[in-house]
Amino acid sequence: MSNKQTRPVHLHRVDQSQNMRRFYLLAIQPTLFGGASVIRNWGRIGTEGQSMITTFDMTADAMVELTRIERSKRNRGYAEPR
């Protein structure tokens, strides 16, 4: 797994007309037993937010899940912070 693939994905969605200021953070963390976990953190910008960890036996499966979630969030209007 290269460094580029393991970088965290940090996305924001800001819409002043709806008073919306959200963040979404995705990262992959290796496990002790050779697998990988997808770590998600989301919430309102300026807060700690919520977290969820999903563990996979194969790192490739974790990468597929991260890519799927990132694509879904970008389709909903999330983008890199300015």
N, C-alpha and C. Protein backbone atom coordinates (compact mmCIF):
# COMPACT_ATOMS: atom_id res chain seq x y z
N MET A 1 0.86 -1.18 0.00
CA MET A 1 0.00 0.00 0.00
C MET A 1 0.90 1.24 0.00
N SER A 2 0.70 2.13 -0.91
CA SER A 2 1.54 3.31 -1.00
C SER A 2 1.03 4.41 -0.07
N ASN A 3 1.89 5.41 0.17
CA ASN A 3 1.52 6.54 1.04
C ASN A 3 0.32 7.30 0.52
N LYS A 4 0.25 7.45 -0.80
CA LYS A 4 -0.86 8.21 -1.39
C LYS A 4 -2.21 7.58 -1.04
N GLN A 5 -2.25 6.26 -1.05
CA GLN A 5 -3.50 5.56 -0.78
C GLN A 5 -3.90 5.63 0.70
N THR A 6 -2.96 5.79 1.60
CA THR A 6 -3.28 5.75 3.02
C THR A 6 -3.50 7.13 3.62
N ARG A 7 -3.40 8.18 2.83
CA ARG A 7 -3.66 9.53 3.36
C ARG A 7 -5.12 9.67 3.74
N PRO A 8 -5.38 10.36 4.84
CA PRO A 8 -6.78 10.60 5.21
C PRO A 8 -7.48 11.50 4.19
N VAL A 9 -8.77 11.30 4.03
CA VAL A 9 -9.59 12.12 3.14
C VAL A 9 -10.40 13.05 4.04
N HIS A 10 -10.20 14.35 3.87
CA HIS A 10 -10.90 15.35 4.68
C HIS A 10 -11.79 16.17 3.76
N LEU A 11 -13.11 16.13 4.01
CA LEU A 11 -14.07 16.82 3.16
C LEU A 11 -14.94 17.77 3.98
N HIS A 12 -15.37 18.85 3.35
CA HIS A 12 -16.28 19.82 3.98
C HIS A 12 -17.50 20.02 3.09
N ARG A 13 -18.60 20.37 3.73
CA ARG A 13 -19.79 20.78 2.99
C ARG A 13 -20.34 22.00 3.72
N VAL A 14 -20.27 23.15 3.05
CA VAL A 14 -20.72 24.41 3.64
C VAL A 14 -21.77 25.03 2.75
N ASP A 15 -22.93 25.31 3.35
CA ASP A 15 -24.03 25.98 2.64
C ASP A 15 -24.61 27.01 3.60
N GLN A 16 -24.24 28.27 3.41
CA GLN A 16 -24.67 29.33 4.32
C GLN A 16 -26.18 29.51 4.33
N SER A 17 -26.84 29.28 3.21
CA SER A 17 -28.29 29.47 3.15
C SER A 17 -29.04 28.47 4.04
N GLN A 18 -28.43 27.32 4.31
CA GLN A 18 -29.06 26.31 5.16
C GLN A 18 -28.38 26.22 6.53
N ASN A 19 -27.45 27.16 6.82
CA ASN A 19 -26.68 27.14 8.06
C ASN A 19 -25.98 25.78 8.24
N MET A 20 -25.41 25.27 7.15
CA MET A 20 -24.77 23.96 7.14
C MET A 20 -23.26 24.12 7.06
N ARG A 21 -22.56 23.56 8.05
CA ARG A 21 -21.09 23.55 8.07
C ARG A 21 -20.65 22.18 8.58
N ARG A 22 -20.48 21.23 7.68
CA ARG A 22 -20.17 19.86 8.06
C ARG A 22 -18.79 19.44 7.59
N PHE A 23 -18.23 18.46 8.30
CA PHE A 23 -16.97 17.85 7.88
C PHE A 23 -17.15 16.34 7.85
N TYR A 24 -16.29 15.68 7.08
CA TYR A 24 -16.27 14.22 7.01
C TYR A 24 -14.82 13.82 6.82
N LEU A 25 -14.32 12.94 7.68
CA LEU A 25 -12.93 12.49 7.63
C LEU A 25 -12.92 10.98 7.47
N LEU A 26 -12.16 10.49 6.51
CA LEU A 26 -12.00 9.06 6.26
C LEU A 26 -10.52 8.71 6.32
N ALA A 27 -10.20 7.60 6.99
CA ALA A 27 -8.81 7.16 7.06
C ALA A 27 -8.77 5.64 7.16
N ILE A 28 -7.64 5.06 6.74
CA ILE A 28 -7.43 3.62 6.88
C ILE A 28 -6.30 3.43 7.88
N GLN A 29 -6.55 2.53 8.84
CA GLN A 29 -5.58 2.23 9.88
C GLN A 29 -5.33 0.72 9.87
N PRO A 30 -4.06 0.29 9.81
CA PRO A 30 -3.79 -1.16 9.86
C PRO A 30 -4.16 -1.74 11.23
N THR A 31 -4.56 -3.01 11.24
CA THR A 31 -4.87 -3.68 12.49
C THR A 31 -3.67 -4.54 12.91
N LEU A 32 -3.72 -5.04 14.11
CA LEU A 32 -2.64 -5.88 14.63
C LEU A 32 -2.51 -7.21 13.89
N PHE A 33 -3.58 -7.68 13.30
CA PHE A 33 -3.59 -9.01 12.71
C PHE A 33 -3.53 -9.01 11.19
N GLY A 34 -3.05 -7.93 10.61
CA GLY A 34 -2.84 -7.86 9.16
C GLY A 34 -4.00 -7.32 8.36
N GLY A 35 -5.09 -7.01 8.98
CA GLY A 35 -6.22 -6.43 8.28
C GLY A 35 -6.12 -4.91 8.27
N ALA A 36 -7.25 -4.27 8.06
CA ALA A 36 -7.29 -2.81 8.05
C ALA A 36 -8.66 -2.35 8.51
N SER A 37 -8.69 -1.17 9.11
CA SER A 37 -9.94 -0.56 9.56
C SER A 37 -10.16 0.75 8.83
N VAL A 38 -11.41 0.99 8.43
CA VAL A 38 -11.80 2.29 7.88
C VAL A 38 -12.36 3.09 9.05
N ILE A 39 -11.74 4.23 9.31
CA ILE A 39 -12.17 5.10 10.41
C ILE A 39 -12.88 6.29 9.80
N ARG A 40 -14.13 6.51 10.24
CA ARG A 40 -14.93 7.64 9.77
C ARG A 40 -15.21 8.55 10.94
N ASN A 41 -15.09 9.85 10.70
CA ASN A 41 -15.42 10.86 11.70
C ASN A 41 -16.18 11.96 10.97
N TRP A 42 -17.34 12.34 11.54
CA TRP A 42 -18.17 13.34 10.86
C TRP A 42 -18.91 14.17 11.89
N GLY A 43 -19.33 15.36 11.44
CA GLY A 43 -20.12 16.23 12.31
C GLY A 43 -20.08 17.66 11.83
N ARG A 44 -20.52 18.56 12.70
CA ARG A 44 -20.50 19.99 12.41
C ARG A 44 -19.08 20.51 12.62
N ILE A 45 -18.63 21.37 11.71
CA ILE A 45 -17.29 21.96 11.83
C ILE A 45 -17.22 22.71 13.16
N GLY A 46 -16.15 22.47 13.90
CA GLY A 46 -15.96 23.09 15.20
C GLY A 46 -16.33 22.19 16.37
N THR A 47 -16.91 21.01 16.06
CA THR A 47 -17.25 20.05 17.10
C THR A 47 -16.38 18.81 16.95
N GLU A 48 -16.43 17.94 17.94
CA GLU A 48 -15.68 16.69 17.88
C GLU A 48 -16.33 15.71 16.91
N GLY A 49 -17.63 15.77 16.80
CA GLY A 49 -18.35 14.91 15.87
C GLY A 49 -18.51 13.49 16.39
N GLN A 50 -18.90 12.61 15.49
CA GLN A 50 -19.10 11.20 15.80
C GLN A 50 -18.08 10.38 15.04
N SER A 51 -17.85 9.15 15.50
CA SER A 51 -16.89 8.26 14.85
C SER A 51 -17.48 6.87 14.65
N MET A 52 -16.96 6.19 13.64
CA MET A 52 -17.33 4.80 13.38
C MET A 52 -16.10 4.10 12.82
N ILE A 53 -15.85 2.89 13.29
CA ILE A 53 -14.73 2.08 12.80
C ILE A 53 -15.28 0.79 12.23
N THR A 54 -14.89 0.47 11.00
CA THR A 54 -15.28 -0.77 10.35
C THR A 54 -14.01 -1.53 10.01
N THR A 55 -13.90 -2.77 10.48
CA THR A 55 -12.67 -3.56 10.31
C THR A 55 -12.85 -4.60 9.20
N PHE A 56 -11.80 -4.76 8.40
CA PHE A 56 -11.79 -5.71 7.29
C PHE A 56 -10.59 -6.63 7.42
N ASP A 57 -10.73 -7.87 6.93
CA ASP A 57 -9.62 -8.83 6.95
C ASP A 57 -8.55 -8.46 5.93
N MET A 58 -8.97 -7.87 4.82
CA MET A 58 -8.05 -7.54 3.74
C MET A 58 -7.97 -6.02 3.58
N THR A 59 -6.77 -5.51 3.39
CA THR A 59 -6.57 -4.08 3.18
C THR A 59 -7.27 -3.62 1.91
N ALA A 60 -7.29 -4.46 0.90
CA ALA A 60 -7.94 -4.10 -0.37
C ALA A 60 -9.44 -3.86 -0.15
N ASP A 61 -10.07 -4.65 0.71
CA ASP A 61 -11.49 -4.46 0.99
C ASP A 61 -11.72 -3.12 1.69
N ALA A 62 -10.81 -2.75 2.57
CA ALA A 62 -10.92 -1.46 3.26
C ALA A 62 -10.78 -0.31 2.27
N MET A 63 -9.87 -0.45 1.31
CA MET A 63 -9.69 0.59 0.29
C MET A 63 -10.94 0.74 -0.57
N VAL A 64 -11.57 -0.37 -0.92
CA VAL A 64 -12.80 -0.33 -1.72
C VAL A 64 -13.89 0.40 -0.93
N GLU A 65 -14.02 0.10 0.35
CA GLU A 65 -15.04 0.75 1.19
C GLU A 65 -14.77 2.25 1.32
N LEU A 66 -13.51 2.62 1.55
CA LEU A 66 -13.15 4.04 1.65
C LEU A 66 -13.50 4.77 0.36
N THR A 67 -13.18 4.18 -0.77
CA THR A 67 -13.46 4.80 -2.07
C THR A 67 -14.96 4.93 -2.28
N ARG A 68 -15.74 3.91 -1.89
CA ARG A 68 -17.19 3.96 -2.03
C ARG A 68 -17.80 5.08 -1.20
N ILE A 69 -17.35 5.20 0.05
CA ILE A 69 -17.87 6.24 0.94
C ILE A 69 -17.47 7.62 0.44
N GLU A 70 -16.21 7.77 0.01
CA GLU A 70 -15.75 9.07 -0.50
C GLU A 70 -16.57 9.49 -1.73
N ARG A 71 -16.81 8.58 -2.64
CA ARG A 71 -17.60 8.88 -3.84
C ARG A 71 -19.01 9.32 -3.45
N SER A 72 -19.59 8.62 -2.50
CA SER A 72 -20.94 8.95 -2.04
C SER A 72 -20.99 10.36 -1.44
N LYS A 73 -20.01 10.71 -0.63
CA LYS A 73 -19.99 12.03 0.00
C LYS A 73 -19.76 13.13 -1.03
N ARG A 74 -18.89 12.88 -1.98
CA ARG A 74 -18.66 13.89 -3.03
C ARG A 74 -19.91 14.10 -3.87
N ASN A 75 -20.66 13.04 -4.11
CA ASN A 75 -21.93 13.18 -4.85
C ASN A 75 -22.94 14.00 -4.07
N ARG A 76 -22.84 14.03 -2.76
CA ARG A 76 -23.76 14.80 -1.92
C ARG A 76 -23.29 16.24 -1.71
N GLY A 77 -22.16 16.62 -2.32
CA GLY A 77 -21.73 18.01 -2.24
C GLY A 77 -20.51 18.27 -1.38
N TYR A 78 -19.92 17.25 -0.79
CA TYR A 78 -18.70 17.44 0.01
C TYR A 78 -17.51 17.63 -0.92
N ALA A 79 -16.56 18.47 -0.49
CA ALA A 79 -15.35 18.73 -1.28
C ALA A 79 -14.20 19.05 -0.32
N GLU A 80 -12.98 19.15 -0.87
CA GLU A 80 -11.83 19.51 -0.03
C GLU A 80 -12.04 20.88 0.58
N PRO A 81 -11.55 21.08 1.80
CA PRO A 81 -11.68 22.43 2.43
C PRO A 81 -10.91 23.46 1.63
N ARG A 82 -11.41 24.67 1.63
CA ARG A 82 -10.74 25.76 0.88
C ARG A 82 -9.69 26.41 1.72
